[in-house]
Amino acid sequence: MLLSVLIPAYNEIKSIDAIIEKIQAVPLEKEIIIVDDGSTDGTRERLATYNAVPNVRVIHHTHNQGKGAAIRTAIQHIQGDIAIIQDADLEYEPQDYVKLIEPIVAGREKVIYGSRFLKPENRHSYFSFYLGGQIVTWLTNLLYSQRLTDEPTCYKVFDSKFLQSIPLECNGFEFCPEVTAKVAKRGVRIHELPINYYPRSIEEGKKISWFDGIEAIWVLVKYRFVQ
């Protein structure tokens, strides 16, 4: 069972080495697909040092297109049986992969989300982000008959063939609501498992903003009523 780790990366020079090291330490057979989304801070040049690492593949966008565009590029290169989305920062713990993929390996699920809220001891960065995430999650459950606690989580895990069958159009952070909406519209009840979470501040490089929350709401509403 091969796990494909999909990493959209934009200006993550401070953390890119550390996250790759953490992923490599996970005791699973894996490929790491990194899409550098037009970085200008040295990330692109640093990733060139991984060209000789057998299970790491680096793809470059010539200019910044957005997280969703980078993920869509990575999806085209999946060779594994299971795929997980991994941000290039250090907010999430790759050791959680082992438990997250187990229901898919066992054939019980096609999709698993890692929930930051199912582990009460996790901290959360800004109240505005917490509130926005809760609103997006509530709306997801209302519109798509789900029972999620953490729709905007980074850790979304898929049966690879199922993920590749979903026609995605996203370019930015709207990857999350778009893929959630399209999974739900296929009649899939998304199950969650608790994960670790170590939030970073805007000063440390956090890139999401209040506008992305507004866009997430719009995307959820739009895909509820279009094919």
Protein backbone atom coordinates (compact mmCIF):
# COMPACT_ATOMS: atom_id res chain seq x y z
CA MET A 1 0.00 0.00 0.00
CA LEU A 2 1.67 3.19 -1.22
CA LEU A 3 0.74 6.55 0.33
CA SER A 4 0.98 9.69 -1.82
CA VAL A 5 1.69 12.81 0.24
CA LEU A 6 0.62 15.92 -1.69
CA ILE A 7 2.35 19.12 -0.61
CA PRO A 8 1.45 22.53 -2.06
CA ALA A 9 4.33 24.84 -1.14
CA TYR A 10 4.61 28.59 -1.46
CA ASN A 11 7.40 30.52 0.28
CA GLU A 12 8.03 27.91 2.98
CA ILE A 13 11.83 28.08 3.19
CA LYS A 14 11.72 28.09 7.02
CA SER A 15 9.85 24.80 7.29
CA ILE A 16 10.24 22.79 4.08
CA ASP A 17 13.22 20.72 5.24
CA ALA A 18 11.63 20.00 8.61
CA ILE A 19 8.30 18.84 7.17
CA ILE A 20 9.99 16.55 4.64
CA GLU A 21 12.10 15.06 7.44
CA LYS A 22 8.99 14.47 9.53
CA ILE A 23 7.19 12.80 6.62
CA GLN A 24 10.15 10.56 5.83
CA ALA A 25 10.16 9.40 9.48
CA VAL A 26 6.62 8.00 9.21
CA PRO A 27 6.85 4.19 9.02
CA LEU A 28 4.84 3.83 5.81
CA GLU A 29 5.74 3.26 2.16
CA LYS A 30 5.21 6.65 0.57
CA GLU A 31 5.89 9.05 -2.25
CA ILE A 32 6.15 12.76 -1.58
CA ILE A 33 4.82 15.01 -4.34
CA ILE A 34 5.72 18.66 -3.78
CA VAL A 35 4.36 21.39 -6.01
CA ASP A 36 6.30 24.61 -5.61
CA ASP A 37 3.75 27.28 -6.43
CA GLY A 38 6.06 30.00 -7.70
CA SER A 39 8.04 30.56 -4.49
CA THR A 40 10.36 33.57 -4.36
CA ASP A 41 11.98 33.10 -0.93
CA GLY A 42 14.44 30.30 -1.79
CA THR A 43 12.00 27.39 -1.42
CA ARG A 44 12.31 26.56 -5.11
CA GLU A 45 16.09 26.42 -4.93
CA ARG A 46 16.03 24.41 -1.72
CA LEU A 47 13.72 21.82 -3.26
CA ALA A 48 16.29 21.25 -6.02
CA THR A 49 18.44 19.50 -3.40
CA TYR A 50 15.84 16.72 -3.21
CA ASN A 51 16.12 15.73 -6.87
CA ALA A 52 18.23 12.71 -5.96
CA VAL A 53 15.85 11.44 -3.26
CA PRO A 54 14.03 8.47 -4.82
CA ASN A 55 10.60 8.95 -3.24
CA VAL A 56 10.44 12.75 -3.60
CA ARG A 57 9.10 14.38 -6.74
CA VAL A 58 9.17 18.17 -7.15
CA ILE A 59 6.99 19.98 -9.69
CA HIS A 60 7.26 23.72 -10.30
CA HIS A 61 4.64 26.29 -11.20
CA THR A 62 6.26 29.19 -13.04
CA HIS A 63 4.16 31.66 -11.03
CA ASN A 64 1.95 31.60 -7.97
CA GLN A 65 -1.47 30.15 -8.79
CA GLY A 66 -2.83 29.20 -5.35
CA LYS A 67 -3.08 26.22 -3.03
CA GLY A 68 -5.91 24.57 -4.95
CA ALA A 69 -4.06 24.81 -8.26
CA ALA A 70 -0.97 23.24 -6.66
CA ILE A 71 -3.02 20.38 -5.23
CA ARG A 72 -4.71 19.78 -8.60
CA THR A 73 -1.27 19.56 -10.21
CA ALA A 74 -0.12 17.09 -7.56
CA ILE A 75 -3.22 14.92 -8.06
CA GLN A 76 -2.23 14.39 -11.69
CA HIS A 77 1.02 12.76 -10.55
CA ILE A 78 -0.34 10.38 -7.90
CA GLN A 79 0.96 6.82 -8.12
CA GLY A 80 -0.09 5.67 -4.64
CA ASP A 81 -3.21 3.87 -3.48
CA ILE A 82 -4.07 6.52 -0.87
CA ALA A 83 -3.49 10.29 -0.99
CA ILE A 84 -3.24 12.80 1.84
CA ILE A 85 -2.97 16.59 1.69
CA GLN A 86 -0.06 17.99 3.69
CA ASP A 87 0.68 21.69 4.12
CA ALA A 88 4.35 22.65 3.91
CA ASP A 89 4.35 24.21 7.38
CA LEU A 90 4.56 22.44 10.74
CA GLU A 91 0.99 22.88 12.00
CA TYR A 92 0.11 19.21 11.46
CA GLU A 93 1.84 16.03 12.64
CA PRO A 94 2.71 13.47 9.92
CA GLN A 95 2.85 10.65 12.48
CA ASP A 96 -0.96 10.90 12.41
CA TYR A 97 -0.91 9.38 8.90
CA VAL A 98 -0.79 5.85 10.28
CA LYS A 99 -4.19 6.01 11.98
CA LEU A 100 -5.75 8.23 9.32
CA ILE A 101 -5.17 5.81 6.45
CA GLU A 102 -6.23 2.67 8.37
CA PRO A 103 -9.98 2.85 7.57
CA ILE A 104 -9.17 3.27 3.86
CA VAL A 105 -6.59 0.47 3.88
CA ALA A 106 -9.21 -1.76 5.52
CA GLY A 107 -11.73 -0.92 2.79
CA ARG A 108 -14.23 0.65 5.18
CA GLU A 109 -13.98 4.22 3.88
CA LYS A 110 -12.99 6.18 0.78
CA VAL A 111 -12.45 9.47 2.61
CA ILE A 112 -11.19 10.36 6.10
CA TYR A 113 -10.70 13.83 7.57
CA GLY A 114 -8.41 14.54 10.50
CA SER A 115 -10.22 16.71 13.04
CA ARG A 116 -8.38 19.18 15.25
CA PHE A 117 -11.48 19.51 17.44
CA LEU A 118 -11.75 15.83 18.37
CA LYS A 119 -8.57 16.30 20.44
CA PRO A 120 -9.55 18.81 23.16
CA GLU A 121 -5.98 19.59 24.23
CA ASN A 122 -5.15 21.12 20.83
CA ARG A 123 -4.59 24.87 20.82
CA HIS A 124 -6.06 27.15 18.15
CA SER A 125 -4.42 30.28 16.79
CA TYR A 126 -6.85 33.18 16.37
CA PHE A 127 -10.44 33.31 17.60
CA SER A 128 -11.52 34.70 14.23
CA PHE A 129 -10.06 31.64 12.46
CA TYR A 130 -11.70 29.32 14.99
CA LEU A 131 -15.08 31.02 14.56
CA GLY A 132 -14.81 31.07 10.77
CA GLY A 133 -13.96 27.38 10.70
CA GLN A 134 -16.92 26.56 12.91
CA ILE A 135 -19.29 28.50 10.65
CA VAL A 136 -17.96 26.77 7.54
CA THR A 137 -18.31 23.38 9.26
CA TRP A 138 -21.85 24.13 10.44
CA LEU A 139 -22.88 25.21 6.94
CA THR A 140 -21.31 22.08 5.43
CA ASN A 141 -23.33 19.88 7.77
CA LEU A 142 -26.51 21.82 7.05
CA LEU A 143 -26.18 21.78 3.27
CA TYR A 144 -24.67 18.34 2.77
CA SER A 145 -26.06 16.23 5.64
CA GLN A 146 -22.64 15.60 7.15
CA ARG A 147 -21.59 15.38 10.81
CA LEU A 148 -18.20 17.05 10.63
CA THR A 149 -16.42 18.92 13.41
CA ASP A 150 -13.60 20.36 11.26
CA GLU A 151 -14.33 20.87 7.57
CA PRO A 152 -11.36 23.22 6.89
CA THR A 153 -8.79 20.73 8.20
CA CYS A 154 -5.68 20.25 6.08
CA TYR A 155 -5.59 16.49 6.67
CA LYS A 156 -7.98 15.16 4.06
CA VAL A 157 -7.25 11.55 3.09
CA PHE A 158 -8.67 9.80 0.02
CA ASP A 159 -8.67 6.58 -1.89
CA SER A 160 -6.51 7.84 -4.74
CA LYS A 161 -8.70 6.65 -7.59
CA PHE A 162 -11.72 8.22 -5.94
CA LEU A 163 -9.92 11.56 -5.56
CA GLN A 164 -8.74 11.50 -9.16
CA SER A 165 -12.33 10.91 -10.31
CA ILE A 166 -13.50 14.20 -8.78
CA PRO A 167 -13.45 17.12 -11.27
CA LEU A 168 -11.88 19.97 -9.30
CA GLU A 169 -11.74 23.59 -10.48
CA CYS A 170 -10.23 25.33 -7.45
CA ASN A 171 -7.20 27.59 -7.49
CA GLY A 172 -6.96 28.91 -3.95
CA PHE A 173 -7.96 27.85 -0.45
CA GLU A 174 -11.41 26.91 -1.77
CA PHE A 175 -9.98 23.42 -2.40
CA CYS A 176 -11.37 22.37 0.98
CA PRO A 177 -15.04 23.31 0.52
CA GLU A 178 -15.04 22.26 -3.13
CA VAL A 179 -13.72 18.76 -2.54
CA THR A 180 -15.95 18.35 0.54
CA ALA A 181 -19.03 19.39 -1.42
CA LYS A 182 -18.25 17.09 -4.34
CA VAL A 183 -17.47 14.12 -2.09
CA ALA A 184 -20.75 14.66 -0.22
CA LYS A 185 -22.75 14.96 -3.44
CA ARG A 186 -21.56 11.46 -4.34
CA GLY A 187 -23.35 10.17 -1.28
CA VAL A 188 -20.25 9.70 0.87
CA ARG A 189 -20.52 10.29 4.62
CA ILE A 190 -17.14 11.72 5.62
CA HIS A 191 -15.72 10.21 8.81
CA GLU A 192 -13.23 11.97 11.06
CA LEU A 193 -10.41 10.93 13.37
CA PRO A 194 -8.60 13.09 15.98
CA ILE A 195 -5.26 14.64 15.02
CA ASN A 196 -2.57 16.79 16.61
CA TYR A 197 -2.40 20.49 15.75
CA TYR A 198 0.28 23.11 16.37
CA PRO A 199 -1.00 26.45 15.03
CA ARG A 200 1.33 29.10 13.70
CA SER A 201 0.77 32.85 13.63
CA ILE A 202 0.50 35.20 10.69
CA GLU A 203 3.99 36.43 11.59
CA GLU A 204 5.23 32.86 11.28
CA GLY A 205 3.78 32.54 7.79
CA LYS A 206 0.09 31.62 8.12
CA LYS A 207 -1.48 32.66 4.83
CA ILE A 208 -5.25 32.13 5.09
CA SER A 209 -7.42 35.22 5.66
CA TRP A 210 -11.00 36.20 6.48
CA PHE A 211 -11.68 36.51 2.74
CA ASP A 212 -10.99 32.80 2.31
CA GLY A 213 -13.74 32.07 4.83
CA ILE A 214 -16.21 34.14 2.82
CA GLU A 215 -15.15 32.34 -0.34
CA ALA A 216 -15.56 28.95 1.37
CA ILE A 217 -19.17 29.82 2.25
CA TRP A 218 -19.87 30.88 -1.33
CA VAL A 219 -18.33 27.67 -2.73
CA LEU A 220 -20.38 25.47 -0.38
CA VAL A 221 -23.60 27.21 -1.38
CA LYS A 222 -22.73 27.19 -5.09
CA TYR A 223 -21.96 23.47 -5.32
CA ARG A 224 -25.03 22.54 -3.32
CA PHE A 225 -27.20 23.82 -6.14
CA VAL A 226 -25.15 23.12 -9.29
CA GLN A 227 -24.17 19.79 -10.81
